[in-house]
């Protein structure tokens, strides 16, 4: 058994985020321990509400700081 970390940055892409997470669980996740690190980069669509409703942990940034800066938020967590 191995530890797996799924890392993703989201901004204004709730439908894509939902499809990505469902696809990973359906086709790739095979009972190995999964760590999810998800950063919402200041989305103003319904991304955050969807994540909260589905009890998916995420880091919420108050504004879009750009992809690279959002990734920099993740490094200390890995």
Protein backbone atom coordinates (compact mmCIF):
# COMPACT_ATOMS: atom_id res chain seq x y z
CA UNK A 1 0.00 0.00 0.00
CA UNK A 2 1.29 3.45 -0.87
CA UNK A 3 0.33 6.97 0.09
CA UNK A 4 -1.05 9.04 -2.77
CA UNK A 5 -1.40 12.81 -2.77
CA UNK A 6 -3.77 14.39 -5.26
CA UNK A 7 -2.92 18.07 -5.67
CA UNK A 8 -5.06 20.53 -7.59
CA UNK A 9 -5.70 24.26 -7.95
CA UNK A 10 -9.21 25.43 -8.80
CA UNK A 11 -10.44 28.77 -10.07
CA UNK A 12 -13.95 29.22 -11.41
CA UNK A 13 -14.13 25.61 -12.69
CA UNK A 14 -16.65 23.82 -10.46
CA UNK A 15 -17.84 21.42 -13.19
CA UNK A 16 -14.27 20.50 -14.20
CA UNK A 17 -13.29 20.09 -10.53
CA UNK A 18 -16.27 17.82 -9.92
CA UNK A 19 -15.50 15.68 -12.98
CA UNK A 20 -11.81 15.42 -12.05
CA UNK A 21 -12.53 14.27 -8.49
CA UNK A 22 -15.23 11.80 -9.55
CA UNK A 23 -13.02 10.42 -12.32
CA UNK A 24 -10.09 9.94 -9.97
CA UNK A 25 -12.17 8.11 -7.40
CA UNK A 26 -13.95 6.00 -10.03
CA UNK A 27 -11.00 5.03 -12.24
CA UNK A 28 -7.79 5.47 -10.27
CA UNK A 29 -8.36 5.25 -6.53
CA UNK A 30 -7.85 1.63 -5.51
CA UNK A 31 -8.15 1.61 -1.71
CA UNK A 32 -4.70 3.13 -1.22
CA UNK A 33 -4.54 5.94 1.26
CA UNK A 34 -5.38 9.17 -0.55
CA UNK A 35 -4.37 12.62 0.60
CA UNK A 36 -6.13 15.50 -1.13
CA UNK A 37 -4.65 18.97 -1.22
CA UNK A 38 -7.01 21.29 -3.04
CA UNK A 39 -6.63 25.05 -3.25
CA UNK A 40 -9.50 27.23 -4.38
CA UNK A 41 -7.86 30.30 -5.86
CA UNK A 42 -10.51 32.89 -5.02
CA UNK A 43 -13.35 31.43 -7.11
CA UNK A 44 -16.52 33.48 -7.35
CA UNK A 45 -18.59 30.72 -8.96
CA UNK A 46 -20.18 27.98 -6.86
CA UNK A 47 -16.94 25.98 -6.44
CA UNK A 48 -16.51 26.68 -2.73
CA UNK A 49 -20.15 25.98 -1.95
CA UNK A 50 -19.95 22.68 -3.84
CA UNK A 51 -16.81 21.64 -1.93
CA UNK A 52 -18.36 22.56 1.42
CA UNK A 53 -21.62 20.79 0.57
CA UNK A 54 -19.70 17.61 -0.35
CA UNK A 55 -17.44 17.87 2.72
CA UNK A 56 -14.28 18.03 0.61
CA UNK A 57 -11.44 19.73 2.49
CA UNK A 58 -9.78 22.62 0.70
CA UNK A 59 -7.69 25.70 1.23
CA UNK A 60 -9.68 28.81 0.42
CA UNK A 61 -7.76 31.81 -0.86
CA UNK A 62 -9.64 35.12 -0.64
CA UNK A 63 -8.55 36.20 -4.12
CA UNK A 64 -6.94 34.75 -7.23
CA UNK A 65 -3.20 35.02 -6.62
CA UNK A 66 -2.22 33.14 -9.77
CA UNK A 67 -1.48 29.47 -10.37
CA UNK A 68 2.18 29.51 -9.36
CA UNK A 69 1.55 31.39 -6.11
CA UNK A 70 -1.31 29.02 -5.26
CA UNK A 71 1.04 26.07 -5.79
CA UNK A 72 3.50 27.74 -3.42
CA UNK A 73 0.80 27.49 -0.71
CA UNK A 74 0.86 23.71 -1.16
CA UNK A 75 4.59 22.98 -0.79
CA UNK A 76 4.69 23.24 3.02
CA UNK A 77 1.80 20.74 3.21
CA UNK A 78 3.47 17.97 1.22
